[in-house]
Amino acid sequence: MQISGSSAIVVGGAGGLGEATVRRLHAAGAKVVVADLADEKGKALEAELGVRYVRTDATEEAGVEAAIAAAADAAPLRVSVDCHGGPATGGRLVGRDGSPLDLAGFRKTVDVYLTGVFNVMRLAAAAMGRQDDVDGSRGVIVNTASIAAYEGQIGQLPYAAAKGGVVGMTLVAARDLSPLGIRVVTIAPGTFNTPAYGEAGDRLEAYWGPQVPHPRRMGQSPEYAALVEHICENDYLNGEVVRLDGALRFPPK
């Protein structure tokens, strides 16, 4: 699939993984829409690169539709990347005091990290499906899970459940969308050192870096973005979850 001449939405495009992806797709010739809630960062990218920023809550229909419409107005929508973040609760299923894990927190985490992904995917796919195909293809959807979907740590149950849901949707969505010529691929990152960590990034690097088999460091956002670009361009990648983790496997805690 040709990135150049297409439009793309990047949900969470003002964050670490998202910003790197916005820059990569923009450099490849796409008309990019940054869909995020971080107004200051989104508008800064808009001013610097000439991309479009649309304030977007991934869990709400109206904002996602506005971002998709902005992309489709610029060029045929061929790429949807979702790497948005948000609040996540945690804790043991039963705490040391005998109390059960909070139900409202679980629901909120699943809403942000699973329902939000579903919402973006369904709306982007519908928009792609309305456009003309190119050699039988209409676009690609890239979602973001986590290696916590496979080996979530103690206290990560809500987050692991949500990310496990993203993994579980991948093949089904690819099969659902195959008649439309739309591919679905999920990236499952390991530990990535993004600007969101601020001053804590150095401490996290010192903790996680030595635990990664090779290379012995945390992941870097441009590595995620490079994989997104490859997924877009490789038409035979479909229905798959790609771990991007340096062979890291999370220990229990």
Protein backbone atom coordinates (compact mmCIF):
# COMPACT_ATOMS: atom_id res chain seq x y z
CA MET A 1 0.00 0.00 0.00
CA GLN A 2 1.29 3.44 -0.93
CA ILE A 3 1.46 5.83 2.01
CA SER A 4 2.19 8.84 -0.16
CA GLY A 5 -0.99 10.46 -1.41
CA SER A 6 -3.11 8.85 1.31
CA SER A 7 -4.42 10.29 4.54
CA ALA A 8 -3.87 8.83 7.99
CA ILE A 9 -5.25 9.35 11.46
CA VAL A 10 -3.05 8.75 14.47
CA VAL A 11 -5.12 8.51 17.63
CA GLY A 12 -2.86 9.46 20.51
CA GLY A 13 -0.73 11.27 17.95
CA ALA A 14 0.59 13.84 20.42
CA GLY A 15 2.10 11.19 22.71
CA GLY A 16 5.51 9.54 22.45
CA LEU A 17 4.66 6.62 20.17
CA GLY A 18 2.05 8.70 18.37
CA GLU A 19 4.25 11.70 17.67
CA ALA A 20 6.97 9.50 16.23
CA THR A 21 4.35 7.84 14.03
CA VAL A 22 2.94 11.18 12.89
CA ARG A 23 6.43 12.31 11.88
CA ARG A 24 7.16 9.04 10.08
CA LEU A 25 3.91 8.97 8.10
CA HIS A 26 4.19 12.68 7.30
CA ALA A 27 7.73 12.15 5.99
CA ALA A 28 6.42 9.28 3.86
CA GLY A 29 3.96 11.62 2.15
CA ALA A 30 0.71 11.03 4.05
CA LYS A 31 -1.75 13.74 5.00
CA VAL A 32 -1.83 13.14 8.75
CA VAL A 33 -4.47 14.01 11.33
CA VAL A 34 -3.33 14.07 14.95
CA ALA A 35 -6.27 12.89 17.07
CA ASP A 36 -5.63 13.50 20.74
CA LEU A 37 -6.70 15.36 23.88
CA ALA A 38 -3.32 17.04 24.39
CA ASP A 39 -4.16 20.40 22.83
CA GLU A 40 -0.81 22.08 23.37
CA LYS A 41 1.27 19.27 21.87
CA GLY A 42 -1.22 18.63 19.09
CA LYS A 43 -1.28 22.26 18.01
CA ALA A 44 2.51 22.42 18.18
CA LEU A 45 2.76 19.50 15.75
CA GLU A 46 0.17 21.17 13.54
CA ALA A 47 2.23 24.36 13.41
CA GLU A 48 5.54 22.59 12.86
CA LEU A 49 4.59 19.97 10.28
CA GLY A 50 1.45 21.31 8.66
CA VAL A 51 -0.54 18.29 9.84
CA ARG A 52 -4.07 18.68 11.19
CA TYR A 53 -4.90 18.47 14.89
CA VAL A 54 -8.41 17.42 15.93
CA ARG A 55 -9.28 17.18 19.61
CA THR A 56 -10.41 13.58 20.04
CA ASP A 57 -11.51 11.30 22.85
CA ALA A 58 -11.10 7.77 21.54
CA THR A 59 -14.07 6.57 23.58
CA GLU A 60 -16.47 9.13 22.09
CA GLU A 61 -18.02 8.77 18.64
CA ALA A 62 -18.21 12.44 17.64
CA GLY A 63 -14.54 13.28 18.09
CA VAL A 64 -13.33 10.19 16.26
CA GLU A 65 -15.72 10.87 13.39
CA ALA A 66 -14.46 14.47 13.18
CA ALA A 67 -10.85 13.29 12.96
CA ILE A 68 -11.75 10.75 10.27
CA ALA A 69 -13.68 13.36 8.30
CA ALA A 70 -10.72 15.75 8.45
CA ALA A 71 -8.42 13.05 7.11
CA ALA A 72 -10.82 11.99 4.37
CA ASP A 73 -11.17 15.61 3.24
CA ALA A 74 -7.41 15.81 2.67
CA ALA A 75 -6.92 12.52 0.78
CA PRO A 76 -8.31 8.97 0.68
CA LEU A 77 -8.15 7.52 4.19
CA ARG A 78 -5.87 4.49 4.02
CA VAL A 79 -4.20 4.39 7.44
CA SER A 80 -5.57 4.36 11.00
CA VAL A 81 -3.11 4.05 13.86
CA ASP A 82 -4.35 3.91 17.44
CA CYS A 83 -1.79 4.31 20.21
CA HIS A 84 -3.76 6.44 22.66
CA GLY A 85 -3.17 6.26 26.38
CA GLY A 86 -5.15 7.32 29.42
CA PRO A 87 -5.78 6.52 33.05
CA ALA A 88 -5.36 2.93 34.18
CA THR A 89 -6.09 1.50 37.59
CA GLY A 90 -4.32 -1.44 39.16
CA GLY A 91 -3.97 -3.52 42.26
CA ARG A 92 -4.26 -7.13 43.30
CA LEU A 93 -7.57 -8.87 42.64
CA VAL A 94 -7.89 -9.16 46.41
CA GLY A 95 -5.84 -6.70 48.43
CA ARG A 96 -3.80 -7.42 51.52
CA ASP A 97 -6.69 -6.10 53.58
CA GLY A 98 -9.05 -8.61 52.00
CA SER A 99 -10.93 -6.08 49.85
CA PRO A 100 -11.73 -6.89 46.22
CA LEU A 101 -10.31 -4.84 43.37
CA ASP A 102 -12.44 -1.80 42.51
CA LEU A 103 -15.04 -2.53 39.83
CA ALA A 104 -15.38 1.08 38.66
CA GLY A 105 -11.64 1.33 38.08
CA PHE A 106 -11.65 -1.89 36.08
CA ARG A 107 -14.48 -0.63 33.90
CA LYS A 108 -12.72 2.70 33.31
CA THR A 109 -9.46 1.02 32.27
CA VAL A 110 -11.26 -1.32 29.89
CA ASP A 111 -13.25 1.61 28.50
CA VAL A 112 -10.10 3.58 27.69
CA TYR A 113 -7.81 0.79 26.50
CA LEU A 114 -10.24 -1.62 24.85
CA THR A 115 -13.55 0.11 24.09
CA GLY A 116 -11.66 3.13 22.75
CA VAL A 117 -9.69 0.94 20.36
CA PHE A 118 -12.89 -0.76 19.19
CA ASN A 119 -14.55 2.60 18.65
CA VAL A 120 -11.72 3.96 16.52
CA MET A 121 -11.40 0.73 14.56
CA ARG A 122 -15.09 0.43 13.67
CA LEU A 123 -15.41 4.05 12.56
CA ALA A 124 -12.16 4.07 10.59
CA ALA A 125 -13.04 0.79 8.88
CA ALA A 126 -16.47 2.08 7.88
CA ALA A 127 -14.91 5.19 6.35
CA MET A 128 -12.27 3.18 4.49
CA GLY A 129 -14.93 0.83 3.21
CA ARG A 130 -16.76 3.68 1.48
CA GLN A 131 -13.83 4.63 -0.73
CA ASP A 132 -12.53 3.11 -3.94
CA ASP A 133 -10.10 0.24 -3.64
CA VAL A 134 -6.62 0.13 -5.14
CA ASP A 135 -5.81 -3.35 -6.43
CA GLY A 136 -8.40 -4.74 -4.03
CA SER A 137 -7.09 -2.90 -0.99
CA ARG A 138 -8.67 0.00 0.87
CA GLY A 139 -6.47 0.48 3.89
CA VAL A 140 -4.84 -0.77 7.07
CA ILE A 141 -5.68 -0.41 10.75
CA VAL A 142 -2.85 -0.60 13.27
CA ASN A 143 -3.79 -1.03 16.93
CA THR A 144 -1.57 -1.05 19.99
CA ALA A 145 -1.65 -3.70 22.70
CA SER A 146 1.17 -4.50 25.14
CA ILE A 147 3.20 -7.51 26.14
CA ALA A 148 1.17 -7.24 29.35
CA ALA A 149 -1.58 -8.91 27.32
CA TYR A 150 0.51 -12.10 27.51
CA GLU A 151 2.33 -11.86 30.82
CA GLY A 152 0.68 -9.15 32.86
CA GLN A 153 2.35 -8.46 36.16
CA ILE A 154 0.89 -8.60 39.64
CA GLY A 155 -1.42 -5.61 40.02
CA GLN A 156 -1.93 -5.17 36.26
CA LEU A 157 -5.14 -7.14 35.90
CA PRO A 158 -7.37 -4.37 34.44
CA TYR A 159 -4.70 -3.20 32.00
CA ALA A 160 -3.74 -6.74 30.99
CA ALA A 161 -7.40 -7.61 30.44
CA ALA A 162 -7.91 -4.58 28.20
CA LYS A 163 -4.76 -5.18 26.18
CA GLY A 164 -5.61 -8.87 25.94
CA GLY A 165 -8.90 -7.79 24.41
CA VAL A 166 -7.08 -5.77 21.77
CA VAL A 167 -5.02 -8.85 20.92
CA GLY A 168 -8.19 -10.94 20.76
CA MET A 169 -9.91 -8.53 18.38
CA THR A 170 -7.07 -8.58 15.84
CA LEU A 171 -7.71 -11.75 13.87
CA VAL A 172 -11.49 -11.45 14.10
CA ALA A 173 -11.40 -7.88 12.80
CA ALA A 174 -9.06 -8.86 9.98
CA ARG A 175 -11.47 -11.61 8.96
CA ASP A 176 -14.49 -9.31 9.29
CA LEU A 177 -12.88 -6.65 7.10
CA SER A 178 -11.30 -8.90 4.49
CA PRO A 179 -14.22 -8.48 2.02
CA LEU A 180 -13.54 -4.72 2.13
CA GLY A 181 -9.82 -5.12 1.53
CA ILE A 182 -8.87 -3.67 4.93
CA ARG A 183 -6.04 -5.20 6.94
CA VAL A 184 -5.75 -5.18 10.74
CA VAL A 185 -2.45 -5.58 12.59
CA THR A 186 -1.63 -5.03 16.25
CA ILE A 187 1.70 -4.02 17.76
CA ALA A 188 2.42 -5.26 21.28
CA PRO A 189 5.24 -3.07 22.65
CA GLY A 190 7.41 -3.97 25.58
CA THR A 191 8.89 -1.22 27.73
CA PHE A 192 9.29 2.02 25.77
CA ASN A 193 10.95 5.14 27.12
CA THR A 194 8.75 8.00 25.95
CA PRO A 195 8.76 11.70 26.89
CA ALA A 196 5.65 11.10 29.01
CA TYR A 197 7.90 9.70 31.74
CA GLY A 198 9.81 12.98 32.04
CA GLU A 199 12.58 12.86 34.63
CA ALA A 200 11.51 9.35 35.64
CA GLY A 201 12.67 8.06 32.25
CA ASP A 202 16.27 7.65 33.40
CA ARG A 203 15.22 5.62 36.43
CA LEU A 204 13.00 3.41 34.31
CA GLU A 205 15.80 2.90 31.81
CA ALA A 206 18.15 1.84 34.60
CA TYR A 207 15.55 -0.65 35.88
CA TRP A 208 14.13 -2.09 32.66
CA GLY A 209 17.07 -1.77 30.28
CA PRO A 210 19.20 -4.56 31.82
CA GLN A 211 16.19 -6.92 31.79
CA VAL A 212 15.80 -6.77 28.02
CA PRO A 213 17.78 -9.62 26.40
CA HIS A 214 18.91 -7.60 23.37
CA PRO A 215 19.35 -4.75 22.90
CA ARG A 216 19.74 -4.07 26.62
CA ARG A 217 17.66 -0.92 26.73
CA MET A 218 14.07 0.23 26.61
CA GLY A 219 12.40 0.69 23.26
CA GLN A 220 12.45 4.02 21.46
CA SER A 221 9.43 5.65 19.84
CA PRO A 222 10.95 5.80 16.32
CA GLU A 223 11.24 1.99 16.42
CA TYR A 224 7.48 1.73 16.92
CA ALA A 225 6.91 4.24 14.10
CA ALA A 226 9.21 2.33 11.77
CA LEU A 227 7.16 -0.82 12.35
CA VAL A 228 3.95 1.08 11.61
CA GLU A 229 5.40 2.22 8.29
CA HIS A 230 6.44 -1.32 7.41
CA ILE A 231 3.00 -2.69 8.27
CA CYS A 232 1.43 -0.10 5.99
CA GLU A 233 3.69 -1.02 3.09
CA ASN A 234 3.68 -4.81 3.50
CA ASP A 235 0.33 -5.98 2.13
CA TYR A 236 0.78 -9.53 3.41
CA LEU A 237 0.86 -8.53 7.06
CA ASN A 238 -2.69 -9.08 8.29
CA GLY A 239 -4.48 -10.49 11.32
CA GLU A 240 -1.25 -10.64 13.30
CA VAL A 241 0.07 -9.30 16.61
CA VAL A 242 3.71 -8.28 16.42
CA ARG A 243 5.66 -8.11 19.68
CA LEU A 244 8.15 -5.26 19.76
CA ASP A 245 10.06 -5.92 22.94
CA GLY A 246 13.70 -6.99 22.43
CA ALA A 247 12.67 -10.50 23.58
CA LEU A 248 11.57 -9.18 27.00
CA ARG A 249 9.12 -11.26 28.98
CA PHE A 250 7.57 -9.60 32.01
CA PRO A 251 8.33 -11.27 35.35
CA PRO A 252 5.48 -11.64 37.86
CA LYS A 253 6.40 -8.28 39.44
